[in-house]
Protein backbone atom coordinates (compact mmCIF):
# COMPACT_ATOMS: atom_id res chain seq x y z
CA UNK A 1 -0.04 -0.05 0.12
CA UNK A 2 1.50 3.33 -0.97
CA UNK A 3 0.36 6.92 0.09
CA UNK A 4 -0.63 9.64 -2.06
CA UNK A 5 -3.63 12.08 -3.28
CA UNK A 6 -6.91 11.03 -4.72
CA UNK A 7 -8.47 13.41 -6.86
CA UNK A 8 -12.34 13.23 -7.13
CA UNK A 9 -13.84 12.72 -10.59
CA UNK A 10 -13.35 15.77 -12.89
CA UNK A 11 -12.49 17.98 -9.86
CA UNK A 12 -9.17 19.54 -8.57
CA UNK A 13 -10.60 18.74 -4.89
CA UNK A 14 -8.40 15.63 -3.44
CA UNK A 15 -7.92 14.01 -0.13
CA UNK A 16 -4.96 12.21 1.38
CA UNK A 17 -5.44 8.75 0.53
CA UNK A 18 -3.58 5.05 0.19
CA UNK A 19 -3.60 2.91 -3.10
CA UNK A 20 -3.28 -0.83 -2.91
CA UNK A 21 -3.61 -3.87 -5.63
CA UNK A 22 -5.44 -7.17 -5.04
CA UNK A 23 -7.03 -9.56 -7.32
CA UNK A 24 -6.24 -7.22 -10.48
CA UNK A 25 -8.23 -4.24 -8.70
CA UNK A 26 -6.82 -1.04 -7.82
CA UNK A 27 -8.04 -0.15 -4.27
CA UNK A 28 -8.16 3.55 -2.97
CA UNK A 29 -8.92 4.43 0.76
CA UNK A 30 -8.88 7.38 2.41
CA UNK A 31 -6.47 7.43 5.78
CA UNK A 32 -9.40 6.39 7.94
CA UNK A 33 -9.77 3.13 5.82
CA UNK A 34 -12.81 4.47 4.05
CA UNK A 35 -13.28 3.45 0.45
CA UNK A 36 -12.86 5.74 -1.79
CA UNK A 37 -12.72 4.26 -5.26
CA UNK A 38 -12.08 0.75 -6.74
CA UNK A 39 -11.13 0.15 -10.46
CA UNK A 40 -10.15 -3.11 -12.53
CA UNK A 41 -6.68 -3.04 -13.93
CA UNK A 42 -7.96 -2.69 -17.65
CA UNK A 43 -9.54 0.77 -16.80
CA UNK A 44 -6.50 2.12 -15.16
CA UNK A 45 -3.51 4.41 -17.41
CA UNK A 46 -0.29 5.06 -15.71
CA UNK A 47 0.94 8.62 -16.87
CA UNK A 48 5.00 8.77 -16.59
CA UNK A 49 6.53 10.77 -13.92
CA UNK A 50 8.72 13.61 -15.50
CA UNK A 51 11.33 15.55 -13.67
CA UNK A 52 9.83 15.97 -9.87
CA UNK A 53 6.25 15.67 -11.03
CA UNK A 54 4.33 12.74 -8.99
CA UNK A 55 3.36 9.89 -11.00
CA UNK A 56 -0.43 9.34 -11.94
CA UNK A 57 -2.84 6.71 -11.94
CA UNK A 58 -6.37 7.63 -13.86
CA UNK A 59 -8.99 5.14 -12.57
CA UNK A 60 -11.07 5.68 -15.91
CA UNK A 61 -14.09 7.56 -14.47
CA UNK A 62 -12.18 10.96 -14.19
CA UNK A 63 -10.51 10.61 -10.79
CA UNK A 64 -6.96 9.80 -10.46
CA UNK A 65 -4.56 8.98 -7.70
CA UNK A 66 -1.05 10.34 -7.57
CA UNK A 67 1.89 9.71 -5.30
CA UNK A 68 5.42 10.92 -4.64
CA UNK A 69 6.32 7.13 -4.20
CA UNK A 70 7.70 6.17 -7.34
CA UNK A 71 9.01 2.91 -6.37
CA UNK A 72 5.75 2.20 -5.03
CA UNK A 73 3.77 3.06 -8.17
CA UNK A 74 6.19 0.57 -10.20
CA UNK A 75 5.42 -1.94 -7.69
CA UNK A 76 1.59 -1.40 -8.24
CA UNK A 77 2.38 -1.70 -11.78
CA UNK A 78 3.91 -4.75 -11.85
CA UNK A 79 1.40 -6.19 -9.68
CA UNK A 80 -1.68 -5.12 -11.67
CA UNK A 81 0.47 -5.96 -15.09
CA UNK A 82 -0.01 -2.59 -16.42
CA UNK A 83 2.03 -1.80 -19.26
CA UNK A 84 5.21 0.84 -18.59
CA UNK A 85 4.22 4.48 -19.62
CA UNK A 86 5.79 6.34 -22.39
CA UNK A 87 7.81 4.76 -25.39
CA UNK A 88 9.85 6.68 -27.42
CA UNK A 89 8.35 9.96 -26.32
CA UNK A 90 8.96 9.11 -22.84
CA UNK A 91 12.40 8.43 -23.28
CA UNK A 92 13.08 11.45 -25.20
CA UNK A 93 11.47 13.49 -22.60
CA UNK A 94 13.69 11.98 -19.65
CA UNK A 95 16.89 12.67 -21.66
CA UNK A 96 18.83 16.02 -22.14
CA UNK A 97 19.82 15.15 -25.22
CA UNK A 98 16.62 14.01 -26.36
CA UNK A 99 15.06 17.49 -25.26
CA UNK A 100 17.83 19.47 -26.92
CA UNK A 101 17.39 17.68 -30.34
CA UNK A 102 13.35 18.21 -30.10
CA UNK A 103 13.96 21.91 -29.34
CA UNK A 104 16.02 22.36 -32.43
CA UNK A 105 13.92 20.14 -34.62
CA UNK A 106 10.83 22.34 -33.74
CA UNK A 107 12.85 25.38 -33.99
CA UNK A 108 13.90 24.17 -37.69
CA UNK A 109 10.44 23.00 -38.39
CA UNK A 110 9.00 26.44 -37.25
CA UNK A 111 11.37 28.42 -39.40
CA UNK A 112 10.73 26.14 -42.19
CA UNK A 113 7.15 26.86 -41.93
CA UNK A 114 7.33 30.14 -41.70
CA UNK A 115 10.20 30.73 -44.28
CA UNK A 116 8.83 28.24 -47.00
CA UNK A 117 5.51 26.96 -45.79
CA UNK A 118 3.69 30.41 -45.38
CA UNK A 119 4.63 31.97 -48.57
CA UNK A 120 3.75 28.58 -50.53
CA UNK A 121 0.50 28.92 -49.12
CA UNK A 122 -0.31 32.46 -49.59
CA UNK A 123 0.72 32.24 -53.09
CA UNK A 124 -1.80 29.33 -53.58
CA UNK A 125 -4.47 31.43 -51.71
CA UNK A 126 -3.51 34.55 -53.92
CA UNK A 127 -4.22 32.36 -57.37
CA UNK A 128 -7.32 31.11 -55.82
CA UNK A 129 -8.90 34.35 -55.04
CA UNK A 130 -12.12 35.38 -56.71
CA UNK A 131 -11.80 38.67 -58.66
CA UNK A 132 -14.59 40.04 -56.47
CA UNK A 133 -12.52 39.55 -53.11
CA UNK A 134 -9.72 41.47 -55.01
CA UNK A 135 -11.76 44.47 -55.94
CA UNK A 136 -13.50 44.55 -52.27
CA UNK A 137 -10.00 44.73 -50.85
CA UNK A 138 -8.67 47.35 -53.43
CA UNK A 139 -11.81 49.53 -52.75
CA UNK A 140 -11.72 49.36 -48.99
CA UNK A 141 -7.98 49.79 -48.97
CA UNK A 142 -8.15 53.23 -51.05
CA UNK A 143 -11.06 54.16 -48.82
CA UNK A 144 -8.75 53.89 -45.89
CA UNK A 145 -6.00 55.62 -47.61
CA UNK A 146 -7.75 58.62 -49.01
CA UNK A 147 -9.30 59.05 -45.65
CA UNK A 148 -6.00 59.17 -43.59
CA UNK A 149 -2.95 59.67 -45.62
CA UNK A 150 -3.80 60.59 -49.60
CA UNK A 151 -5.51 63.64 -51.12
CA UNK A 152 -6.43 64.31 -54.69
CA UNK A 153 -3.27 65.03 -56.98
CA UNK A 154 -2.63 68.54 -57.50
CA UNK A 155 -0.60 68.01 -60.95
CA UNK A 156 -1.39 70.24 -63.76
CA UNK A 157 -3.50 68.95 -66.40
CA UNK A 158 -0.56 68.82 -69.15
CA UNK A 159 1.06 66.72 -66.61
CA UNK A 160 -1.87 64.50 -65.88
CA UNK A 161 -2.37 63.72 -69.30
CA UNK A 162 1.52 62.95 -69.83
CA UNK A 163 1.24 60.20 -67.10
CA UNK A 164 -2.03 58.96 -68.58
CA UNK A 165 -0.43 58.39 -71.65
CA UNK A 166 2.83 57.05 -70.58
CA UNK A 167 0.51 54.63 -68.49
CA UNK A 168 -1.52 53.32 -71.31
CA UNK A 169 1.89 52.88 -73.29
CA UNK A 170 3.03 50.62 -70.65
CA UNK A 171 -0.17 48.62 -69.99
CA UNK A 172 -0.42 47.80 -73.77
CA UNK A 173 2.80 45.44 -73.39
CA UNK A 174 1.80 43.94 -69.98
CA UNK A 175 -0.35 40.80 -69.62
CA UNK A 176 -3.61 42.42 -69.00
CA UNK A 177 -3.52 44.49 -71.52
CA UNK A 178 -4.39 48.35 -72.01
CA UNK A 179 -7.82 47.94 -70.35
CA UNK A 180 -6.37 45.61 -67.43
CA UNK A 181 -4.72 48.34 -65.18
CA UNK A 182 -6.24 51.55 -63.83
CA UNK A 183 -4.35 54.54 -62.94
CA UNK A 184 -4.97 56.87 -59.59
CA UNK A 185 -3.04 59.86 -59.02
CA UNK A 186 -2.90 61.14 -55.49
CA UNK A 187 -0.57 63.13 -53.18
CA UNK A 188 -0.16 63.09 -49.53
CA UNK A 189 3.15 64.57 -47.23
CA UNK A 190 3.08 61.28 -45.09
CA UNK A 191 3.14 59.11 -48.17
CA UNK A 192 6.26 61.00 -50.13
CA UNK A 193 7.29 59.67 -53.45
CA UNK A 194 5.64 56.64 -53.77
CA UNK A 195 3.98 54.48 -56.12
CA UNK A 196 2.00 51.03 -55.24
CA UNK A 197 -0.47 48.34 -56.71
CA UNK A 198 -3.55 47.36 -55.46
CA UNK A 199 -4.89 43.69 -56.05
CA UNK A 200 -7.46 44.98 -58.50
CA UNK A 201 -4.98 46.08 -61.11
CA UNK A 202 -5.05 49.71 -59.50
CA UNK A 203 -1.76 51.51 -59.76
CA UNK A 204 -1.45 54.49 -57.30
CA UNK A 205 1.37 57.10 -58.37
CA UNK A 206 2.16 60.17 -56.10
CA UNK A 207 2.78 63.43 -57.47
CA UNK A 208 6.15 63.61 -55.72
CA UNK A 209 7.51 60.26 -57.27
CA UNK A 210 6.17 62.27 -60.74
CA UNK A 211 8.22 65.38 -59.71
CA UNK A 212 11.51 63.08 -59.23
CA UNK A 213 11.39 61.60 -62.25
CA UNK A 214 13.56 63.26 -64.92
CA UNK A 215 12.16 61.66 -68.04
CA UNK A 216 9.54 59.32 -69.42
CA UNK A 217 11.63 56.10 -69.32
CA UNK A 218 12.06 56.65 -65.75
CA UNK A 219 8.32 56.90 -65.33
CA UNK A 220 7.74 53.88 -67.42
CA UNK A 221 10.10 51.69 -65.11
CA UNK A 222 8.13 52.58 -62.37
CA UNK A 223 4.70 51.69 -63.87
CA UNK A 224 5.92 48.26 -65.41
CA UNK A 225 7.34 47.48 -61.88
CA UNK A 226 4.00 48.32 -60.26
CA UNK A 227 1.93 46.27 -63.00
CA UNK A 228 4.42 43.28 -62.40
CA UNK A 229 3.09 43.36 -58.81
CA UNK A 230 -0.46 43.26 -60.02
CA UNK A 231 0.42 40.29 -62.52
CA UNK A 232 1.78 38.06 -60.11
CA UNK A 233 -0.95 39.05 -57.02
CA UNK A 234 2.27 40.19 -54.78
CA UNK A 235 0.02 42.54 -52.86
CA UNK A 236 -2.45 39.68 -52.03
CA UNK A 237 0.36 36.98 -51.14
CA UNK A 238 1.87 39.64 -48.56
CA UNK A 239 -1.48 40.41 -47.07
CA UNK A 240 -2.59 36.67 -46.79
CA UNK A 241 1.16 36.36 -45.28
CA UNK A 242 0.17 38.90 -42.65
CA UNK A 243 -3.35 37.54 -42.04
CA UNK A 244 -3.37 34.18 -42.73
CA UNK A 245 -6.02 32.81 -40.60
CA UNK A 246 -8.59 35.32 -41.67
CA UNK A 247 -7.50 34.63 -45.30
CA UNK A 248 -8.44 31.09 -45.11
CA UNK A 249 -11.82 31.60 -43.72
CA UNK A 250 -12.67 34.04 -46.19
CA UNK A 251 -11.70 32.07 -49.11
CA UNK A 252 -13.54 29.00 -47.44
CA UNK A 253 -16.57 30.67 -46.42
CA UNK A 254 -16.91 33.55 -48.27
CA UNK A 255 -17.52 35.56 -45.44
CA UNK A 256 -16.91 39.55 -46.48
CA UNK A 257 -16.20 40.78 -42.84
CA UNK A 258 -12.92 38.81 -43.08
CA UNK A 259 -11.97 40.71 -46.54
CA UNK A 260 -12.38 43.72 -44.22
CA UNK A 261 -10.12 42.62 -41.73
CA UNK A 262 -7.53 41.96 -44.50
CA UNK A 263 -8.12 45.56 -46.07
CA UNK A 264 -6.73 46.82 -42.76
CA UNK A 265 -3.72 45.16 -43.15
CA UNK A 266 -2.88 46.07 -46.92
CA UNK A 267 -2.60 50.05 -46.74
CA UNK A 268 0.39 49.71 -44.20
CA UNK A 269 2.10 47.08 -46.56
CA UNK A 270 1.46 49.25 -49.68
CA UNK A 271 2.74 52.49 -48.40
CA UNK A 272 5.89 51.07 -46.76
CA UNK A 273 6.19 48.91 -50.02
CA UNK A 274 6.89 45.89 -47.72
CA UNK A 275 7.37 43.04 -50.49
CA UNK A 276 10.02 40.44 -49.91
CA UNK A 277 13.31 40.48 -51.89
CA UNK A 278 12.05 37.72 -54.13
CA UNK A 279 8.94 39.99 -55.24
CA UNK A 280 10.82 43.20 -55.61
CA UNK A 281 13.48 41.32 -57.87
CA UNK A 282 10.89 39.46 -59.96
CA UNK A 283 8.97 43.08 -60.35
CA UNK A 284 12.47 44.52 -61.63
CA UNK A 285 12.91 41.82 -63.87
CA UNK A 286 9.43 42.00 -65.30
CA UNK A 287 9.94 45.88 -65.54
CA UNK A 288 13.44 45.28 -67.29
CA UNK A 289 11.77 43.17 -69.80
CA UNK A 290 9.10 45.53 -70.55
CA UNK A 291 11.42 48.39 -70.99
CA UNK A 292 13.55 46.59 -73.42
CA UNK A 293 10.24 45.76 -75.36
CA UNK A 294 9.66 49.35 -75.72
CA UNK A 295 13.06 50.38 -76.99
CA UNK A 296 13.72 51.89 -73.28
CA UNK A 297 16.66 51.39 -71.00
CA UNK A 298 16.12 49.52 -67.71
CA UNK A 299 18.96 51.53 -66.29
CA UNK A 300 16.52 54.35 -66.23
CA UNK A 301 14.73 52.55 -63.60
CA UNK A 302 17.93 52.19 -61.43
CA UNK A 303 18.82 56.03 -62.00
CA UNK A 304 15.44 57.18 -60.50
CA UNK A 305 16.42 54.35 -57.56
CA UNK A 306 19.57 56.31 -56.60
CA UNK A 307 17.71 59.60 -56.83
CA UNK A 308 15.00 58.31 -54.34
CA UNK A 309 17.75 57.05 -52.07
CA UNK A 310 19.59 60.22 -52.35
CA UNK A 311 16.34 62.33 -51.45
CA UNK A 312 15.00 60.18 -48.66
CA UNK A 313 17.57 58.28 -46.99
CA UNK A 314 20.99 60.87 -46.56
CA UNK A 315 19.08 62.69 -44.36
CA UNK A 316 18.23 61.07 -40.98
CA UNK A 317 17.47 57.81 -42.67
CA UNK A 318 14.88 56.52 -45.16
CA UNK A 319 11.34 57.92 -44.93
CA UNK A 320 8.50 55.77 -46.23
CA UNK A 321 8.80 55.98 -49.91
CA UNK A 322 9.11 53.79 -53.06
CA UNK A 323 12.06 52.30 -51.42
CA UNK A 324 10.48 51.08 -48.74
CA UNK A 325 11.88 47.99 -47.31
CA UNK A 326 13.18 47.04 -51.05
CA UNK A 327 16.37 45.29 -51.53
CA UNK A 328 19.52 47.22 -51.33
CA UNK A 329 19.37 50.08 -53.65
CA UNK A 330 22.90 49.22 -55.11
CA UNK A 331 22.19 45.62 -55.80
CA UNK A 332 19.17 46.35 -57.84
CA UNK A 333 20.66 49.51 -59.89
CA UNK A 334 23.34 47.00 -60.96
CA UNK A 335 21.19 44.05 -61.93
CA UNK A 336 19.08 46.83 -63.96
CA UNK A 337 22.02 48.14 -65.77
CA UNK A 338 23.04 44.39 -66.50
CA UNK A 339 19.34 43.97 -67.99
CA UNK A 340 19.99 47.07 -69.97
CA UNK A 341 23.23 45.30 -71.65
CA UNK A 342 21.25 42.54 -72.80
């Protein structure tokens, strides 16, 4: 007979008790000898004792008996012919080497899921997104931005006409064609020289970015870059990466409220240009191909990038701009110059 504690069924209340085995039955008594519970061996489950935690015998009705007397529990186990608890998992839990390996494996799997699993799932979700969701998300995003950070463009009519003409010229060379993209002109002191694309094909260009460009080819490079983000659904992928659960619910159930939640994430991503290095490289490469097809030089886009960095980053660090969290400017410019050589 061993001493321990008896926990009543499905409760945290317990009393001091003793346990013994006889004729294939576990008998649990109070210290005064009164019977608290009795259960056949086949209904018992012995949990492994880890560290300094007590060993536990579950009686099958929600109650259990636990004891710090591990030798006594082991004696009861043999007498009741119970199977030893644990197995491989139990051995790992009792081994520092096993615990260390398990922690390292968990960390590696977690990193793999975040680095590769989440982007893969986000890409598949973006590919499966109905156009109606992309339109709804884009509309709500612009409502948020227009109410907080953006204002109507103040460009002169001749500048607006020039930008619209360049936009039509570039879009004619893009997969969606001239009617597949929409130009939105805005200004905003908190946004700076910026351009970004919405999931529905809208491309926003700020007055400050237009003013910073010295020639048509620089503007065409920016427009082609942003249209590439549309073509590859980069914006949707970033939103899904940032809000994986609402995204899955929206696609599986068609719940419009989930789309609203995702739309609150998109403005910050777009204004900060928070795309991954791979997305930006892909957009730069696509823009270079479009510029070459138009007879323009991809290096012109690099020239604008250098000017943006000089304006925004050499005085107190980079403010929000079209550079955003893009890859290192020097590397991008060199790649664009190489594309020009092709």
